[in-house]
Amino acid sequence: MPPMALTGIVTKVGCMHKTATVTVSRHVIHKLTGKRIERSKKILTHDEQEVLRLNDTALIRNCPPISARKRFKLEKILKSPETERDLAHMQAAQQS
């Protein structure tokens, strides 16, 4: 399999050790109507340090099989709502 990097949103985390479920969405054009349709796929991702949180936007990359269903590793976290909220609270506290 050629190297792939996919971007998705973390939808499930904490149920399995060192594993998170990332939903990767893509848009396709319907052949008959010509409308855009969103197609999504849930991918089990290996998260060694367990740093992923719910609703994070993550970049994942394929790798050799880690388990029966895990074929992707976490490359990096692109955006984290929890981290952004904490930073906003710290900045507001410093300004006060």
PDB file of N, CA and C in Angstrom:
ATOM      1  N   MET A   1       0.843  -1.172   0.000  1.00  0.00           N
ATOM      2  CA  MET A   1       0.000   0.000   0.000  1.00  0.00           C
ATOM      3  C   MET A   1       0.895   1.245   0.000  1.00  0.00           C
ATOM      4  N   PRO A   2       0.622   2.203  -0.889  1.00  0.00           N
ATOM      5  CA  PRO A   2       1.449   3.412  -0.911  1.00  0.00           C
ATOM      6  C   PRO A   2       1.206   4.266   0.323  1.00  0.00           C
ATOM      7  N   PRO A   3       2.173   5.114   0.676  1.00  0.00           N
ATOM      8  CA  PRO A   3       1.990   5.961   1.855  1.00  0.00           C
ATOM      9  C   PRO A   3       0.805   6.904   1.676  1.00  0.00           C
ATOM     10  N   MET A   4      -0.061   6.935   2.684  1.00  0.00           N
ATOM     11  CA  MET A   4      -1.224   7.817   2.653  1.00  0.00           C
ATOM     12  C   MET A   4      -1.276   8.616   3.936  1.00  0.00           C
ATOM     13  N   ALA A   5      -1.680   9.855   3.816  1.00  0.00           N
ATOM     14  CA  ALA A   5      -1.930  10.684   4.988  1.00  0.00           C
ATOM     15  C   ALA A   5      -3.367  11.174   4.883  1.00  0.00           C
ATOM     16  N   LEU A   6      -4.157  10.922   5.909  1.00  0.00           N
ATOM     17  CA  LEU A   6      -5.558  11.305   5.928  1.00  0.00           C
ATOM     18  C   LEU A   6      -5.827  12.225   7.113  1.00  0.00           C
ATOM     19  N   THR A   7      -6.779  13.126   6.942  1.00  0.00           N
ATOM     20  CA  THR A   7      -7.170  14.035   8.008  1.00  0.00           C
ATOM     21  C   THR A   7      -8.589  13.693   8.425  1.00  0.00           C
ATOM     22  N   GLY A   8      -8.806  13.572   9.734  1.00  0.00           N
ATOM     23  CA  GLY A   8     -10.139  13.240  10.219  1.00  0.00           C
ATOM     24  C   GLY A   8     -10.388  13.756  11.618  1.00  0.00           C
ATOM     25  N   ILE A   9     -11.600  13.522  12.094  1.00  0.00           N
ATOM     26  CA  ILE A   9     -12.019  13.964  13.419  1.00  0.00           C
ATOM     27  C   ILE A   9     -12.127  12.752  14.335  1.00  0.00           C
ATOM     28  N   VAL A  10     -11.603  12.891  15.543  1.00  0.00           N
ATOM     29  CA  VAL A  10     -11.649  11.803  16.521  1.00  0.00           C
ATOM     30  C   VAL A  10     -13.071  11.684  17.050  1.00  0.00           C
ATOM     31  N   THR A  11     -13.669  10.495  16.883  1.00  0.00           N
ATOM     32  CA  THR A  11     -15.048  10.289  17.305  1.00  0.00           C
ATOM     33  C   THR A  11     -15.177   9.387  18.522  1.00  0.00           C
ATOM     34  N   LYS A  12     -14.164   8.589  18.803  1.00  0.00           N
ATOM     35  CA  LYS A  12     -14.237   7.681  19.945  1.00  0.00           C
ATOM     36  C   LYS A  12     -12.831   7.492  20.497  1.00  0.00           C
ATOM     37  N   VAL A  13     -12.700   7.663  21.809  1.00  0.00           N
ATOM     38  CA  VAL A  13     -11.387   7.533  22.436  1.00  0.00           C
ATOM     39  C   VAL A  13     -11.584   7.067  23.870  1.00  0.00           C
ATOM     40  N   GLY A  14     -10.654   6.266  24.383  1.00  0.00           N
ATOM     41  CA  GLY A  14     -10.707   5.851  25.776  1.00  0.00           C
ATOM     42  C   GLY A  14     -11.329   4.489  26.013  1.00  0.00           C
ATOM     43  N   CYS A  15     -11.935   3.888  25.007  1.00  0.00           N
ATOM     44  CA  CYS A  15     -12.552   2.569  25.187  1.00  0.00           C
ATOM     45  C   CYS A  15     -11.522   1.457  25.074  1.00  0.00           C
ATOM     46  N   MET A  16     -10.524   1.668  24.229  1.00  0.00           N
ATOM     47  CA  MET A  16      -9.475   0.677  24.017  1.00  0.00           C
ATOM     48  C   MET A  16      -8.129   1.325  24.301  1.00  0.00           C
ATOM     49  N   HIS A  17      -7.194   0.553  24.833  1.00  0.00           N
ATOM     50  CA  HIS A  17      -5.881   1.090  25.166  1.00  0.00           C
ATOM     51  C   HIS A  17      -5.104   1.404  23.895  1.00  0.00           C
ATOM     52  N   LYS A  18      -4.519   2.619  23.850  1.00  0.00           N
ATOM     53  CA  LYS A  18      -3.663   3.082  22.759  1.00  0.00           C
ATOM     54  C   LYS A  18      -4.368   3.054  21.404  1.00  0.00           C
ATOM     55  N   THR A  19      -5.690   3.200  21.415  1.00  0.00           N
ATOM     56  CA  THR A  19      -6.459   3.177  20.177  1.00  0.00           C
ATOM     57  C   THR A  19      -7.507   4.269  20.198  1.00  0.00           C
ATOM     58  N   ALA A  20      -7.689   4.933  19.070  1.00  0.00           N
ATOM     59  CA  ALA A  20      -8.745   5.931  18.907  1.00  0.00           C
ATOM     60  C   ALA A  20      -9.414   5.696  17.560  1.00  0.00           C
ATOM     61  N   THR A  21     -10.692   6.043  17.480  1.00  0.00           N
ATOM     62  CA  THR A  21     -11.415   5.935  16.223  1.00  0.00           C
ATOM     63  C   THR A  21     -11.460   7.306  15.575  1.00  0.00           C
ATOM     64  N   VAL A  22     -10.955   7.386  14.346  1.00  0.00           N
ATOM     65  CA  VAL A  22     -10.930   8.636  13.594  1.00  0.00           C
ATOM     66  C   VAL A  22     -11.863   8.481  12.401  1.00  0.00           C
ATOM     67  N   THR A  23     -12.778   9.439  12.228  1.00  0.00           N
ATOM     68  CA  THR A  23     -13.691   9.419  11.094  1.00  0.00           C
ATOM     69  C   THR A  23     -13.143  10.328  10.004  1.00  0.00           C
ATOM     70  N   VAL A  24     -12.882   9.741   8.839  1.00  0.00           N
ATOM     71  CA  VAL A  24     -12.350  10.468   7.696  1.00  0.00           C
ATOM     72  C   VAL A  24     -13.478  10.631   6.684  1.00  0.00           C
ATOM     73  N   SER A  25     -13.752  11.883   6.295  1.00  0.00           N
ATOM     74  CA  SER A  25     -14.836  12.175   5.354  1.00  0.00           C
ATOM     75  C   SER A  25     -14.280  12.635   4.019  1.00  0.00           C
ATOM     76  N   ARG A  26     -15.024  12.329   2.968  1.00  0.00           N
ATOM     77  CA  ARG A  26     -14.677  12.801   1.631  1.00  0.00           C
ATOM     78  C   ARG A  26     -15.973  13.088   0.892  1.00  0.00           C
ATOM     79  N   HIS A  27     -15.895  13.927  -0.128  1.00  0.00           N
ATOM     80  CA  HIS A  27     -17.075  14.288  -0.909  1.00  0.00           C
ATOM     81  C   HIS A  27     -16.958  13.664  -2.292  1.00  0.00           C
ATOM     82  N   VAL A  28     -18.068  13.075  -2.747  1.00  0.00           N
ATOM     83  CA  VAL A  28     -18.133  12.509  -4.091  1.00  0.00           C
ATOM     84  C   VAL A  28     -19.316  13.136  -4.811  1.00  0.00           C
ATOM     85  N   ILE A  29     -19.272  13.105  -6.117  1.00  0.00           N
ATOM     86  CA  ILE A  29     -20.349  13.639  -6.949  1.00  0.00           C
ATOM     87  C   ILE A  29     -21.256  12.474  -7.365  1.00  0.00           C
ATOM     88  N   HIS A  30     -22.551  12.627  -7.135  1.00  0.00           N
ATOM     89  CA  HIS A  30     -23.513  11.607  -7.537  1.00  0.00           C
ATOM     90  C   HIS A  30     -23.581  11.566  -9.064  1.00  0.00           C
ATOM     91  N   LYS A  31     -23.564  10.376  -9.640  1.00  0.00           N
ATOM     92  CA  LYS A  31     -23.499  10.247 -11.098  1.00  0.00           C
ATOM     93  C   LYS A  31     -24.754  10.776 -11.793  1.00  0.00           C
ATOM     94  N   LEU A  32     -25.905  10.549 -11.203  1.00  0.00           N
ATOM     95  CA  LEU A  32     -27.151  10.919 -11.857  1.00  0.00           C
ATOM     96  C   LEU A  32     -27.563  12.363 -11.581  1.00  0.00           C
ATOM     97  N   THR A  33     -27.540  12.761 -10.310  1.00  0.00           N
ATOM     98  CA  THR A  33     -28.033  14.092  -9.949  1.00  0.00           C
ATOM     99  C   THR A  33     -26.953  15.165  -9.982  1.00  0.00           C
ATOM    100  N   GLY A  34     -25.690  14.791  -9.861  1.00  0.00           N
ATOM    101  CA  GLY A  34     -24.601  15.769  -9.871  1.00  0.00           C
ATOM    102  C   GLY A  34     -24.404  16.467  -8.538  1.00  0.00           C
ATOM    103  N   LYS A  35     -25.121  16.026  -7.501  1.00  0.00           N
ATOM    104  CA  LYS A  35     -24.981  16.647  -6.182  1.00  0.00           C
ATOM    105  C   LYS A  35     -23.796  16.047  -5.437  1.00  0.00           C
ATOM    106  N   ARG A  36     -23.256  16.840  -4.506  1.00  0.00           N
ATOM    107  CA  ARG A  36     -22.154  16.359  -3.661  1.00  0.00           C
ATOM    108  C   ARG A  36     -22.708  15.536  -2.517  1.00  0.00           C
ATOM    109  N   ILE A  37     -22.100  14.384  -2.278  1.00  0.00           N
ATOM    110  CA  ILE A  37     -22.490  13.499  -1.183  1.00  0.00           C
ATOM    111  C   ILE A  37     -21.274  13.295  -0.294  1.00  0.00           C
ATOM    112  N   GLU A  38     -21.501  13.318   1.026  1.00  0.00           N
ATOM    113  CA  GLU A  38     -20.399  13.088   1.953  1.00  0.00           C
ATOM    114  C   GLU A  38     -20.323  11.603   2.285  1.00  0.00           C
ATOM    115  N   ARG A  39     -19.171  11.027   2.069  1.00  0.00           N
ATOM    116  CA  ARG A  39     -18.909   9.630   2.419  1.00  0.00           C
ATOM    117  C   ARG A  39     -17.885   9.639   3.553  1.00  0.00           C
ATOM    118  N   SER A  40     -18.109   8.797   4.564  1.00  0.00           N
ATOM    119  CA  SER A  40     -17.170   8.773   5.684  1.00  0.00           C
ATOM    120  C   SER A  40     -16.789   7.337   6.011  1.00  0.00           C
ATOM    121  N   LYS A  41     -15.623   7.197   6.624  1.00  0.00           N
ATOM    122  CA  LYS A  41     -15.105   5.892   7.004  1.00  0.00           C
ATOM    123  C   LYS A  41     -14.479   6.006   8.385  1.00  0.00           C
ATOM    124  N   LYS A  42     -14.792   5.062   9.262  1.00  0.00           N
ATOM    125  CA  LYS A  42     -14.190   5.026  10.589  1.00  0.00           C
ATOM    126  C   LYS A  42     -12.919   4.181  10.530  1.00  0.00           C
ATOM    127  N   ILE A  43     -11.830   4.749  11.020  1.00  0.00           N
ATOM    128  CA  ILE A  43     -10.533   4.082  10.974  1.00  0.00           C
ATOM    129  C   ILE A  43      -9.983   3.979  12.387  1.00  0.00           C
ATOM    130  N   LEU A  44      -9.568   2.779  12.787  1.00  0.00           N
ATOM    131  CA  LEU A  44      -8.911   2.603  14.080  1.00  0.00           C
ATOM    132  C   LEU A  44      -7.462   3.059  13.944  1.00  0.00           C
ATOM    133  N   THR A  45      -7.040   3.914  14.871  1.00  0.00           N
ATOM    134  CA  THR A  45      -5.725   4.548  14.799  1.00  0.00           C
ATOM    135  C   THR A  45      -4.928   4.238  16.055  1.00  0.00           C
ATOM    136  N   HIS A  46      -3.653   3.955  15.884  1.00  0.00           N
ATOM    137  CA  HIS A  46      -2.762   3.685  17.016  1.00  0.00           C
ATOM    138  C   HIS A  46      -2.281   5.010  17.606  1.00  0.00           C
ATOM    139  N   ASP A  47      -2.538   5.196  18.895  1.00  0.00           N
ATOM    140  CA  ASP A  47      -2.158   6.417  19.613  1.00  0.00           C
ATOM    141  C   ASP A  47      -1.290   5.993  20.794  1.00  0.00           C
ATOM    142  N   GLU A  48       0.023   5.970  20.583  1.00  0.00           N
ATOM    143  CA  GLU A  48       0.966   5.415  21.565  1.00  0.00           C
ATOM    144  C   GLU A  48       0.910   6.121  22.914  1.00  0.00           C
ATOM    145  N   GLN A  49       0.908   7.455  22.937  1.00  0.00           N
ATOM    146  CA  GLN A  49       0.924   8.197  24.200  1.00  0.00           C
ATOM    147  C   GLN A  49      -0.478   8.511  24.713  1.00  0.00           C
ATOM    148  N   GLU A  50      -1.508   8.120  23.988  1.00  0.00           N
ATOM    149  CA  GLU A  50      -2.904   8.384  24.353  1.00  0.00           C
ATOM    150  C   GLU A  50      -3.144   9.878  24.584  1.00  0.00           C
ATOM    151  N   VAL A  51      -2.771  10.685  23.588  1.00  0.00           N
ATOM    152  CA  VAL A  51      -2.927  12.131  23.681  1.00  0.00           C
ATOM    153  C   VAL A  51      -4.181  12.638  22.972  1.00  0.00           C
ATOM    154  N   LEU A  52      -4.811  11.810  22.155  1.00  0.00           N
ATOM    155  CA  LEU A  52      -5.998  12.242  21.426  1.00  0.00           C
ATOM    156  C   LEU A  52      -7.187  12.419  22.356  1.00  0.00           C
ATOM    157  N   ARG A  53      -7.982  13.436  22.088  1.00  0.00           N
ATOM    158  CA  ARG A  53      -9.217  13.710  22.823  1.00  0.00           C
ATOM    159  C   ARG A  53     -10.363  13.759  21.821  1.00  0.00           C
ATOM    160  N   LEU A  54     -11.572  13.696  22.326  1.00  0.00           N
ATOM    161  CA  LEU A  54     -12.759  13.740  21.487  1.00  0.00           C
ATOM    162  C   LEU A  54     -12.824  15.050  20.710  1.00  0.00           C
ATOM    163  N   ASN A  55     -13.207  14.998  19.460  1.00  0.00           N
ATOM    164  CA  ASN A  55     -13.362  16.139  18.546  1.00  0.00           C
ATOM    165  C   ASN A  55     -12.040  16.777  18.113  1.00  0.00           C
ATOM    166  N   ASP A  56     -10.915  16.151  18.362  1.00  0.00           N
ATOM    167  CA  ASP A  56      -9.643  16.642  17.831  1.00  0.00           C
ATOM    168  C   ASP A  56      -9.597  16.391  16.330  1.00  0.00           C
ATOM    169  N   THR A  57      -8.902  17.255  15.614  1.00  0.00           N
ATOM    170  CA  THR A  57      -8.627  17.019  14.202  1.00  0.00           C
ATOM    171  C   THR A  57      -7.211  16.467  14.117  1.00  0.00           C
ATOM    172  N   ALA A  58      -7.082  15.273  13.526  1.00  0.00           N
ATOM    173  CA  ALA A  58      -5.797  14.582  13.545  1.00  0.00           C
ATOM    174  C   ALA A  58      -5.362  14.196  12.138  1.00  0.00           C
ATOM    175  N   LEU A  59      -4.051  14.166  11.948  1.00  0.00           N
ATOM    176  CA  LEU A  59      -3.449  13.671  10.717  1.00  0.00           C
ATOM    177  C   LEU A  59      -2.951  12.262  11.005  1.00  0.00           C
ATOM    178  N   ILE A  60      -3.437  11.283  10.233  1.00  0.00           N
ATOM    179  CA  ILE A  60      -3.027   9.896  10.443  1.00  0.00           C
ATOM    180  C   ILE A  60      -2.338   9.378   9.185  1.00  0.00           C
ATOM    181  N   ARG A  61      -1.435   8.429   9.374  1.00  0.00           N
ATOM    182  CA  ARG A  61      -0.666   7.880   8.255  1.00  0.00           C
ATOM    183  C   ARG A  61      -0.699   6.355   8.343  1.00  0.00           C
ATOM    184  N   ASN A  62      -0.805   5.707   7.161  1.00  0.00           N
ATOM    185  CA  ASN A  62      -0.854   4.250   7.166  1.00  0.00           C
ATOM    186  C   ASN A  62       0.501   3.662   7.547  1.00  0.00           C
ATOM    187  N   CYS A  63       0.468   2.430   8.046  1.00  0.00           N
ATOM    188  CA  CYS A  63       1.668   1.748   8.529  1.00  0.00           C
ATOM    189  C   CYS A  63       1.432   0.242   8.397  1.00  0.00           C
ATOM    190  N   PRO A  64       2.438  -0.569   8.670  1.00  0.00           N
ATOM    191  CA  PRO A  64       2.204  -2.012   8.687  1.00  0.00           C
ATOM    192  C   PRO A  64       1.182  -2.367   9.761  1.00  0.00           C
ATOM    193  N   PRO A  65       0.456  -3.472   9.598  1.00  0.00           N
ATOM    194  CA  PRO A  65      -0.603  -3.821  10.552  1.00  0.00           C
ATOM    195  C   PRO A  65      -0.092  -3.936  11.986  1.00  0.00           C
ATOM    196  N   ILE A  66      -0.790  -3.251  12.895  1.00  0.00           N
ATOM    197  CA  ILE A  66      -0.457  -3.295  14.315  1.00  0.00           C
ATOM    198  C   ILE A  66      -1.288  -4.367  15.003  1.00  0.00           C
ATOM    199  N   SER A  67      -2.542  -4.475  14.589  1.00  0.00           N
ATOM    200  CA  SER A  67      -3.431  -5.521  15.101  1.00  0.00           C
ATOM    201  C   SER A  67      -4.353  -5.933  13.957  1.00  0.00           C
ATOM    202  N   ALA A  68      -5.400  -6.682  14.266  1.00  0.00           N
ATOM    203  CA  ALA A  68      -6.283  -7.194  13.219  1.00  0.00           C
ATOM    204  C   ALA A  68      -6.963  -6.081  12.439  1.00  0.00           C
ATOM    205  N   ARG A  69      -7.285  -4.958  13.103  1.00  0.00           N
ATOM    206  CA  ARG A  69      -8.021  -3.882  12.434  1.00  0.00           C
ATOM    207  C   ARG A  69      -7.280  -2.548  12.406  1.00  0.00           C
ATOM    208  N   LYS A  70      -6.139  -2.436  13.078  1.00  0.00           N
ATOM    209  CA  LYS A  70      -5.392  -1.167  13.117  1.00  0.00           C
ATOM    210  C   LYS A  70      -4.331  -1.150  12.029  1.00  0.00           C
ATOM    211  N   ARG A  71      -4.460  -0.171  11.119  1.00  0.00           N
ATOM    212  CA  ARG A  71      -3.512  -0.013  10.022  1.00  0.00           C
ATOM    213  C   ARG A  71      -2.975   1.409   9.914  1.00  0.00           C
ATOM    214  N   PHE A  72      -3.325   2.267  10.871  1.00  0.00           N
ATOM    215  CA  PHE A  72      -2.915   3.668  10.823  1.00  0.00           C
ATOM    216  C   PHE A  72      -2.311   4.092  12.154  1.00  0.00           C
ATOM    217  N   LYS A  73      -1.359   5.029  12.087  1.00  0.00           N
ATOM    218  CA  LYS A  73      -0.742   5.618  13.279  1.00  0.00           C
ATOM    219  C   LYS A  73      -1.019   7.114  13.289  1.00  0.00           C
ATOM    220  N   LEU A  74      -1.034   7.673  14.482  1.00  0.00           N
ATOM    221  CA  LEU A  74      -1.209   9.114  14.634  1.00  0.00           C
ATOM    222  C   LEU A  74       0.072   9.818  14.205  1.00  0.00           C
ATOM    223  N   GLU A  75      -0.059  10.729  13.248  1.00  0.00           N
ATOM    224  CA  GLU A  75       1.090  11.525  12.794  1.00  0.00           C
ATOM    225  C   GLU A  75       1.210  12.776  13.670  1.00  0.00           C
ATOM    226  N   LYS A  76       0.130  13.579  13.734  1.00  0.00           N
ATOM    227  CA  LYS A  76       0.123  14.745  14.619  1.00  0.00           C
ATOM    228  C   LYS A  76      -1.305  15.242  14.789  1.00  0.00           C
ATOM    229  N   ILE A  77      -1.498  16.035  15.842  1.00  0.00           N
ATOM    230  CA  ILE A  77      -2.793  16.636  16.118  1.00  0.00           C
ATOM    231  C   ILE A  77      -2.800  18.014  15.461  1.00  0.00           C
ATOM    232  N   LEU A  78      -3.749  18.244  14.570  1.00  0.00           N
ATOM    233  CA  LEU A  78      -3.819  19.513  13.860  1.00  0.00           C
ATOM    234  C   LEU A  78      -4.569  20.572  14.659  1.00  0.00           C
ATOM    235  N   LYS A  79      -5.652  20.164  15.324  1.00  0.00           N
ATOM    236  CA  LYS A  79      -6.473  21.120  16.062  1.00  0.00           C
ATOM    237  C   LYS A  79      -7.150  20.401  17.211  1.00  0.00           C
ATOM    238  N   SER A  80      -7.137  21.026  18.386  1.00  0.00           N
ATOM    239  CA  SER A  80      -7.746  20.430  19.567  1.00  0.00           C
ATOM    240  C   SER A  80      -8.618  21.468  20.269  1.00  0.00           C
ATOM    241  N   PRO A  81      -9.941  21.276  20.306  1.00  0.00           N
ATOM    242  CA  PRO A  81     -10.819  22.247  20.967  1.00  0.00           C
ATOM    243  C   PRO A  81     -10.512  22.423  22.454  1.00  0.00           C
ATOM    244  N   GLU A  82     -10.165  21.350  23.148  1.00  0.00           N
ATOM    245  CA  GLU A  82      -9.866  21.450  24.583  1.00  0.00           C
ATOM    246  C   GLU A  82      -8.625  22.296  24.827  1.00  0.00           C
ATOM    247  N   THR A  83      -7.590  22.114  24.018  1.00  0.00           N
ATOM    248  CA  THR A  83      -6.363  22.888  24.172  1.00  0.00           C
ATOM    249  C   THR A  83      -6.615  24.353  23.868  1.00  0.00           C
ATOM    250  N   GLU A  84      -7.383  24.631  22.819  1.00  0.00           N
ATOM    251  CA  GLU A  84      -7.691  26.017  22.475  1.00  0.00           C
ATOM    252  C   GLU A  84      -8.484  26.703  23.583  1.00  0.00           C
ATOM    253  N   ARG A  85      -9.421  25.976  24.200  1.00  0.00           N
ATOM    254  CA  ARG A  85     -10.218  26.546  25.286  1.00  0.00           C
ATOM    255  C   ARG A  85      -9.333  26.857  26.487  1.00  0.00           C
ATOM    256  N   ASP A  86      -8.423  25.944  26.826  1.00  0.00           N
ATOM    257  CA  ASP A  86      -7.515  26.175  27.947  1.00  0.00           C
ATOM    258  C   ASP A  86      -6.616  27.391  27.691  1.00  0.00           C
ATOM    259  N   LEU A  87      -6.119  27.532  26.462  1.00  0.00           N
ATOM    260  CA  LEU A  87      -5.277  28.682  26.136  1.00  0.00           C
ATOM    261  C   LEU A  87      -6.060  29.988  26.229  1.00  0.00           C
ATOM    262  N   ALA A  88      -7.321  29.983  25.792  1.00  0.00           N
ATOM    263  CA  ALA A  88      -8.150  31.183  25.876  1.00  0.00           C
ATOM    264  C   ALA A  88      -8.401  31.573  27.330  1.00  0.00           C
ATOM    265  N   HIS A  89      -8.622  30.594  28.202  1.00  0.00           N
ATOM    266  CA  HIS A  89      -8.827  30.876  29.629  1.00  0.00           C
ATOM    267  C   HIS A  89      -7.561  31.455  30.257  1.00  0.00           C
ATOM    268  N   MET A  90      -6.397  30.924  29.889  1.00  0.00           N
ATOM    269  CA  MET A  90      -5.146  31.432  30.449  1.00  0.00           C
ATOM    270  C   MET A  90      -4.885  32.855  29.983  1.00  0.00           C
ATOM    271  N   GLN A  91      -5.166  33.158  28.728  1.00  0.00           N
ATOM    272  CA  GLN A  91      -4.973  34.520  28.234  1.00  0.00           C
ATOM    273  C   GLN A  91      -5.918  35.498  28.904  1.00  0.00           C
ATOM    274  N   ALA A  92      -7.157  35.080  29.129  1.00  0.00           N
ATOM    275  CA  ALA A  92      -8.127  35.950  29.799  1.00  0.00           C
ATOM    276  C   ALA A  92      -7.710  36.209  31.243  1.00  0.00           C
ATOM    277  N   ALA A  93      -7.146  35.194  31.905  1.00  0.00           N
ATOM    278  CA  ALA A  93      -6.702  35.351  33.274  1.00  0.00           C
ATOM    279  C   ALA A  93      -5.501  36.299  33.361  1.00  0.00           C
ATOM    280  N   GLN A  94      -4.617  36.249  32.369  1.00  0.00           N
ATOM    281  CA  GLN A  94      -3.454  37.123  32.374  1.00  0.00           C
ATOM    282  C   GLN A  94      -3.841  38.571  32.126  1.00  0.00           C
ATOM    283  N   GLN A  95      -4.856  38.804  31.312  1.00  0.00           N
ATOM    284  CA  GLN A  95      -5.294  40.154  31.013  1.00  0.00           C
ATOM    285  C   GLN A  95      -6.037  40.788  32.188  1.00  0.00           C
ATOM    286  N   SER A  96      -6.647  39.973  33.027  1.00  0.00           N
ATOM    287  CA  SER A  96      -7.409  40.509  34.176  1.00  0.00           C
ATOM    288  C   SER A  96      -6.515  40.988  35.288  1.00  0.00           C
TER     289      SER A  96
END
